[in-house]
């Protein structure tokens, strides 16, 4: 297949730090190329890929440019300049690429990487007869079930980048954005309830995240809490492998949650809330524990007393089966075959 992969134009592929979508695009483009497909990746010029690289911007503009209409439009102009060169387009950023895609006359597949905000719902409803959608979890698909779906494909990770570690150390890890819906304050309270050390690896890019940190989280930190900002991939994998457990106390319907998969790949259990895709990703009692949002600190502390019941090998095996790079690439191959066979 001749496949165009259209990444967002804000960060390089793969990203230098935070950037879940860009990691997924990197693995997918490389994996498809390794399987013999003719893959062109439209990203930024400082990206690294096994596919053929094309770009509008020689260097990634960075997080401050996210959702910039100018960058988005210029990127789409380059990606859709010669649509006849491809059997299909797989777009990972909507807006301008969606508009150009439906006008290109070529099959378009769009992965729904984010939540269904009102604007996204409106756009999807306008093009549902001209675009094939991929959900990244069944939970996400249930939020807009009437779209034309090519399938559900879970995000994958490269297992080689996440060394398996059976022996754990006596600390807890929270890794993610410092937004209230991500639950960093609940993680702090859970660590305090359990009497365990906590490492926070945070992303704070937006004013509301900084405000939440300064007003609510920082004043309540237990003594000895280690606070880190964005991590290198190696440092992140090291912390994920050594932690007793990863805390994932979200209070929103997160479509996937790659941190859970990264932790399990290292053999580390996840203690998460029953929101969004969590019940699909974490096997309760086997690779972690799923507890309530309302009483997360107490229930998480109780679950931590049972982490010795979790076999690290079971965590790794679940990722190999459902959330590996190979599983993801195979899932998208099946979607693309279905779309091309349909001919619409």
Protein backbone atom coordinates (compact mmCIF):
# COMPACT_ATOMS: atom_id res chain seq x y z
CA UNK A 1 0.00 0.00 0.00
CA UNK A 2 1.06 3.58 -0.67
CA UNK A 3 0.26 5.26 2.63
CA UNK A 4 0.54 8.91 3.63
CA UNK A 5 0.89 9.39 7.38
CA UNK A 6 0.04 12.99 8.32
CA UNK A 7 1.34 13.86 11.79
CA UNK A 8 0.56 17.05 13.71
CA UNK A 9 2.96 19.87 12.72
CA UNK A 10 3.87 21.04 16.23
CA UNK A 11 6.47 18.52 17.47
CA UNK A 12 9.03 16.26 15.79
CA UNK A 13 8.33 12.57 15.25
CA UNK A 14 9.28 10.98 17.57
CA UNK A 15 9.05 13.81 20.14
CA UNK A 16 12.00 14.83 22.28
CA UNK A 17 9.85 14.70 25.43
CA UNK A 18 6.10 14.86 25.98
CA UNK A 19 4.06 13.96 22.90
CA UNK A 20 1.90 10.85 22.96
CA UNK A 21 0.46 11.24 19.45
CA UNK A 22 3.92 11.73 17.97
CA UNK A 23 5.21 8.52 19.59
CA UNK A 24 2.29 6.58 18.14
CA UNK A 25 2.83 8.06 14.67
CA UNK A 26 6.55 7.27 14.83
CA UNK A 27 5.99 3.62 15.70
CA UNK A 28 3.24 3.25 13.11
CA UNK A 29 5.15 4.84 10.23
CA UNK A 30 8.25 2.78 11.00
CA UNK A 31 6.28 -0.41 11.51
CA UNK A 32 4.37 -0.08 8.23
CA UNK A 33 7.61 0.67 6.36
CA UNK A 34 9.25 -2.38 7.94
CA UNK A 35 6.37 -4.50 6.65
CA UNK A 36 7.07 -3.41 3.09
CA UNK A 37 4.52 -0.65 2.58
CA UNK A 38 5.45 2.55 0.72
CA UNK A 39 5.03 5.06 3.54
CA UNK A 40 5.47 8.83 3.38
CA UNK A 41 5.45 10.69 6.69
CA UNK A 42 4.38 14.33 6.66
CA UNK A 43 5.85 15.75 9.86
CA UNK A 44 8.55 18.31 10.66
CA UNK A 45 12.00 18.28 9.09
CA UNK A 46 13.74 17.41 12.36
CA UNK A 47 11.82 14.12 12.57
CA UNK A 48 13.47 10.70 12.30
CA UNK A 49 11.70 7.90 10.45
CA UNK A 50 12.08 4.79 8.31
CA UNK A 51 9.44 6.26 6.00
CA UNK A 52 10.02 8.92 3.35
CA UNK A 53 9.94 12.26 5.17
CA UNK A 54 8.22 15.34 3.77
CA UNK A 55 7.66 18.60 5.63
CA UNK A 56 6.49 22.20 5.53
CA UNK A 57 8.64 23.26 8.49
CA UNK A 58 12.29 22.34 8.75
CA UNK A 59 12.17 22.52 12.54
CA UNK A 60 9.24 21.81 14.86
CA UNK A 61 7.73 25.08 16.16
CA UNK A 62 7.21 23.55 19.63
CA UNK A 63 4.34 23.23 22.12
CA UNK A 64 3.56 26.95 22.07
CA UNK A 65 2.41 26.58 18.44
CA UNK A 66 -0.08 23.77 19.14
CA UNK A 67 -3.37 24.52 17.34
CA UNK A 68 -1.83 27.41 15.41
CA UNK A 69 -4.09 27.80 12.32
CA UNK A 70 -1.18 28.96 10.16
CA UNK A 71 1.05 25.99 10.94
CA UNK A 72 -1.91 23.64 10.54
CA UNK A 73 -2.89 25.03 7.12
CA UNK A 74 0.65 25.22 5.72
CA UNK A 75 1.29 21.62 6.81
CA UNK A 76 -1.91 20.42 5.11
CA UNK A 77 -1.04 22.23 1.87
CA UNK A 78 2.20 20.25 1.64
CA UNK A 79 0.64 16.93 2.66
CA UNK A 80 -2.17 17.09 0.08
CA UNK A 81 -0.25 18.65 -2.81
CA UNK A 82 -0.17 15.40 -4.84
CA UNK A 83 -2.97 13.17 -3.52
CA UNK A 84 -2.83 10.82 -6.51
CA UNK A 85 0.54 9.50 -5.24
CA UNK A 86 -1.17 7.64 -2.40
CA UNK A 87 -3.70 4.87 -1.97
CA UNK A 88 -4.91 6.50 1.22
CA UNK A 89 -4.19 9.23 3.73
CA UNK A 90 -4.00 8.51 7.45
CA UNK A 91 -4.33 11.80 9.32
CA UNK A 92 -3.56 12.28 13.00
CA UNK A 93 -4.53 15.94 13.19
CA UNK A 94 -8.02 17.08 12.12
CA UNK A 95 -8.98 20.65 11.09
CA UNK A 96 -7.10 21.66 7.89
CA UNK A 97 -6.02 18.10 7.08
CA UNK A 98 -9.59 16.86 7.40
CA UNK A 99 -10.83 19.56 5.04
CA UNK A 100 -8.07 18.92 2.51
CA UNK A 101 -8.54 15.18 2.82
CA UNK A 102 -12.22 15.12 1.98
CA UNK A 103 -11.53 17.33 -1.06
CA UNK A 104 -8.61 15.20 -2.27
CA UNK A 105 -10.62 12.39 -3.81
CA UNK A 106 -8.54 9.80 -1.93
CA UNK A 107 -9.65 7.58 0.98
CA UNK A 108 -9.01 9.27 4.33
CA UNK A 109 -8.60 7.57 7.70
CA UNK A 110 -8.54 9.70 10.84
CA UNK A 111 -7.49 8.42 14.25
CA UNK A 112 -9.40 10.10 17.06
CA UNK A 113 -6.52 10.78 19.42
CA UNK A 114 -8.40 13.24 21.63
CA UNK A 115 -11.72 13.79 23.34
CA UNK A 116 -14.92 14.71 21.53
CA UNK A 117 -15.03 18.42 22.22
CA UNK A 118 -18.03 20.22 20.69
CA UNK A 119 -16.08 21.49 17.68
CA UNK A 120 -14.73 18.03 16.96
CA UNK A 121 -18.20 16.49 17.16
CA UNK A 122 -19.49 19.03 14.67
CA UNK A 123 -16.62 18.47 12.24
CA UNK A 124 -16.88 14.68 12.42
CA UNK A 125 -20.64 14.75 11.83
CA UNK A 126 -20.10 16.83 8.67
CA UNK A 127 -17.62 14.38 7.11
CA UNK A 128 -18.70 11.00 8.46
CA UNK A 129 -19.71 9.83 4.96
CA UNK A 130 -16.32 10.84 3.52
CA UNK A 131 -13.84 9.85 6.26
CA UNK A 132 -13.15 6.56 7.98
CA UNK A 133 -12.53 6.94 11.71
CA UNK A 134 -10.44 4.87 14.09
CA UNK A 135 -11.14 4.96 17.82
CA UNK A 136 -8.32 4.20 20.24
CA UNK A 137 -10.64 2.47 22.73
CA UNK A 138 -14.18 1.13 22.90
CA UNK A 139 -14.84 3.71 25.61
CA UNK A 140 -13.99 6.50 23.19
CA UNK A 141 -16.11 5.00 20.42
CA UNK A 142 -19.16 4.95 22.71
CA UNK A 143 -19.04 8.76 22.90
CA UNK A 144 -19.92 9.03 19.18
CA UNK A 145 -20.97 5.58 17.98
CA UNK A 146 -22.65 6.65 14.72
CA UNK A 147 -19.46 7.63 12.88
CA UNK A 148 -18.14 5.42 10.10
CA UNK A 149 -15.47 3.44 11.92
CA UNK A 150 -12.78 1.36 10.30
CA UNK A 151 -12.19 -0.20 13.69
CA UNK A 152 -10.79 0.26 17.17
CA UNK A 153 -6.99 0.11 17.38
CA UNK A 154 -5.22 0.48 20.71
CA UNK A 155 -2.11 2.62 20.87
CA UNK A 156 1.08 0.60 21.03
CA UNK A 157 4.57 0.90 22.50
CA UNK A 158 7.96 -0.41 21.45
CA UNK A 159 8.65 -3.01 24.12
CA UNK A 160 12.38 -2.74 23.56
CA UNK A 161 12.24 0.82 24.92
CA UNK A 162 10.71 -0.37 28.22
CA UNK A 163 13.01 -2.82 30.02
CA UNK A 164 11.18 -5.38 32.13
CA UNK A 165 12.03 -5.23 35.83
CA UNK A 166 10.66 -7.70 38.36
CA UNK A 167 12.12 -6.25 41.58
CA UNK A 168 10.53 -2.94 42.57
CA UNK A 169 11.55 -0.13 44.89
CA UNK A 170 9.55 1.53 47.64
CA UNK A 171 8.14 4.60 45.89
CA UNK A 172 5.09 5.56 43.86
CA UNK A 173 5.11 7.36 40.53
CA UNK A 174 2.72 9.84 38.93
CA UNK A 175 3.55 10.81 35.36
CA UNK A 176 1.44 13.25 33.35
CA UNK A 177 -0.01 16.71 32.93
CA UNK A 178 -0.68 18.79 36.02
CA UNK A 179 -4.34 19.29 35.19
CA UNK A 180 -7.05 18.71 37.83
CA UNK A 181 -8.68 16.05 35.64
CA UNK A 182 -5.40 14.08 35.60
CA UNK A 183 -5.58 13.65 39.36
CA UNK A 184 -2.15 14.69 40.57
CA UNK A 185 -3.67 15.94 43.84
CA UNK A 186 -5.37 12.57 44.36
CA UNK A 187 -1.99 10.92 43.78
CA UNK A 188 -0.45 13.11 46.47
CA UNK A 189 -3.21 12.20 48.91
CA UNK A 190 -2.90 8.49 48.08
CA UNK A 191 0.85 8.53 48.78
CA UNK A 192 0.23 10.30 52.07
CA UNK A 193 -2.48 7.79 53.02
CA UNK A 194 -0.16 4.89 52.19
CA UNK A 195 2.84 6.46 53.91
CA UNK A 196 4.99 5.99 50.82
CA UNK A 197 7.42 8.20 48.93
CA UNK A 198 6.14 9.83 45.76
CA UNK A 199 7.84 10.90 42.55
CA UNK A 200 5.93 13.38 40.37
CA UNK A 201 7.00 13.68 36.72
CA UNK A 202 4.93 16.58 35.45
CA UNK A 203 4.12 18.59 32.36
CA UNK A 204 3.02 22.15 33.09
CA UNK A 205 2.56 24.12 29.89
CA UNK A 206 -0.81 25.84 30.33
CA UNK A 207 -1.77 28.54 32.84
CA UNK A 208 -4.48 26.39 34.43
CA UNK A 209 -1.94 23.63 35.07
CA UNK A 210 0.47 26.06 36.73
CA UNK A 211 -2.35 27.52 38.81
CA UNK A 212 -3.51 24.06 39.94
CA UNK A 213 0.06 23.24 40.96
CA UNK A 214 0.72 26.47 42.85
CA UNK A 215 -2.64 26.78 44.61
CA UNK A 216 -3.64 23.21 45.37
CA UNK A 217 -0.92 20.62 44.81
CA UNK A 218 2.34 22.21 45.90
CA UNK A 219 1.11 23.34 49.36
CA UNK A 220 -0.08 19.79 50.11
CA UNK A 221 3.06 17.84 49.11
CA UNK A 222 4.35 15.39 51.75
CA UNK A 223 7.98 15.95 52.82
CA UNK A 224 10.46 14.22 50.54
CA UNK A 225 8.29 14.28 47.42
CA UNK A 226 10.51 14.36 44.34
CA UNK A 227 9.27 16.69 41.63
CA UNK A 228 10.57 16.34 38.08
CA UNK A 229 9.54 18.02 34.87
CA UNK A 230 9.48 16.38 31.44
CA UNK A 231 11.76 13.36 31.25
CA UNK A 232 13.96 11.83 28.59
CA UNK A 233 12.62 8.48 27.34
CA UNK A 234 15.39 6.55 29.15
CA UNK A 235 14.78 8.35 32.44
CA UNK A 236 11.05 7.76 32.14
CA UNK A 237 11.51 4.04 31.48
CA UNK A 238 13.88 3.77 34.44
CA UNK A 239 11.36 5.33 36.84
CA UNK A 240 8.49 3.27 35.45
CA UNK A 241 10.47 0.08 35.97
CA UNK A 242 11.60 0.83 39.53
CA UNK A 243 8.31 2.16 40.97
CA UNK A 244 6.21 -0.01 43.26
CA UNK A 245 3.16 1.20 41.34
CA UNK A 246 2.09 3.93 38.94
CA UNK A 247 -0.84 6.08 40.07
CA UNK A 248 -3.36 7.01 37.37
CA UNK A 249 -6.18 8.80 39.23
CA UNK A 250 -7.94 10.49 36.31
CA UNK A 251 -11.37 12.08 36.59
CA UNK A 252 -12.31 12.37 32.93
CA UNK A 253 -13.10 9.95 30.12
CA UNK A 254 -9.55 9.69 28.81
CA UNK A 255 -9.64 7.94 25.42
CA UNK A 256 -6.59 5.79 26.11
CA UNK A 257 -3.83 6.68 28.59
CA UNK A 258 -0.46 5.53 27.28
CA UNK A 259 1.19 5.83 30.71
CA UNK A 260 -0.72 2.76 31.88
CA UNK A 261 0.70 0.70 29.03
CA UNK A 262 4.23 2.02 29.56
CA UNK A 263 4.08 1.04 33.22
CA UNK A 264 2.77 -2.46 32.54
CA UNK A 265 5.41 -2.96 29.85
CA UNK A 266 8.00 -2.52 32.61
CA UNK A 267 6.18 -5.02 34.81
CA UNK A 268 4.76 -2.31 37.07
CA UNK A 269 1.13 -2.39 38.24
CA UNK A 270 -1.20 0.56 37.77
CA UNK A 271 -3.70 1.86 40.31
CA UNK A 272 -6.28 3.77 38.31
CA UNK A 273 -9.80 5.12 38.52
CA UNK A 274 -12.78 3.63 36.72
CA UNK A 275 -12.93 6.28 33.98
CA UNK A 276 -12.58 6.25 30.21
CA UNK A 277 -10.50 3.41 28.79
CA UNK A 278 -9.06 2.30 32.14
CA UNK A 279 -11.10 -0.95 32.41
CA UNK A 280 -9.95 -1.91 28.89
CA UNK A 281 -6.28 -1.27 29.58
CA UNK A 282 -5.80 -2.47 33.16
CA UNK A 283 -6.92 -6.00 34.06
CA UNK A 284 -8.25 -5.42 37.57
CA UNK A 285 -6.49 -7.67 40.05
CA UNK A 286 -4.08 -8.99 37.40
CA UNK A 287 -2.07 -6.02 36.13
CA UNK A 288 -3.20 -3.44 38.66
CA UNK A 289 -6.29 -2.24 40.47
CA UNK A 290 -9.26 -0.15 39.35
CA UNK A 291 -10.73 1.94 42.16
CA UNK A 292 -13.22 4.79 42.57
CA UNK A 293 -12.54 8.45 41.91
CA UNK A 294 -14.43 9.58 45.00
CA UNK A 295 -12.37 7.57 47.49
CA UNK A 296 -9.17 7.18 45.52
CA UNK A 297 -6.63 7.91 48.30
CA UNK A 298 -8.06 5.32 50.71
CA UNK A 299 -8.79 2.66 48.09
CA UNK A 300 -5.42 3.17 46.38
CA UNK A 301 -3.63 2.82 49.72
CA UNK A 302 -5.50 -0.44 50.35
CA UNK A 303 -4.65 -1.66 46.86
CA UNK A 304 -0.96 -0.94 47.44
CA UNK A 305 -0.97 -3.54 50.20
CA UNK A 306 -1.94 -6.09 47.52
CA UNK A 307 0.65 -5.23 44.88
CA UNK A 308 2.64 -8.32 45.87
CA UNK A 309 -0.27 -10.30 44.37
CA UNK A 310 0.47 -8.80 40.92
CA UNK A 311 2.84 -10.84 38.76
CA UNK A 312 5.08 -8.42 36.84
CA UNK A 313 5.25 -10.93 33.99
CA UNK A 314 1.47 -10.78 33.61
CA UNK A 315 1.73 -7.00 33.14
CA UNK A 316 4.31 -7.41 30.40
CA UNK A 317 2.38 -10.21 28.69
CA UNK A 318 -0.78 -8.10 28.51
CA UNK A 319 1.14 -5.36 26.71
CA UNK A 320 2.75 -7.83 24.31
CA UNK A 321 -0.67 -9.19 23.40
CA UNK A 322 -2.77 -6.02 23.17
CA UNK A 323 -0.62 -2.88 23.24
CA UNK A 324 2.64 -3.64 21.43
CA UNK A 325 3.90 -1.88 18.33
CA UNK A 326 3.25 -5.08 16.37
CA UNK A 327 -0.35 -5.33 17.57
CA UNK A 328 -0.99 -1.70 16.65
CA UNK A 329 0.57 -1.93 13.19
CA UNK A 330 -1.40 -5.10 12.44
CA UNK A 331 -4.59 -3.39 13.58
CA UNK A 332 -4.05 -0.48 11.21
CA UNK A 333 -3.20 -2.78 8.32
CA UNK A 334 -6.60 -4.41 8.76
CA UNK A 335 -8.30 -1.00 8.85
CA UNK A 336 -6.54 0.14 5.66
CA UNK A 337 -7.40 -3.09 3.86
CA UNK A 338 -11.04 -2.66 4.83
CA UNK A 339 -11.10 0.95 3.62
CA UNK A 340 -9.49 0.17 0.27
CA UNK A 341 -11.72 -2.88 -0.25
CA UNK A 342 -14.77 -0.69 0.34
CA UNK A 343 -13.68 1.65 -2.42
CA UNK A 344 -15.54 4.65 -0.95
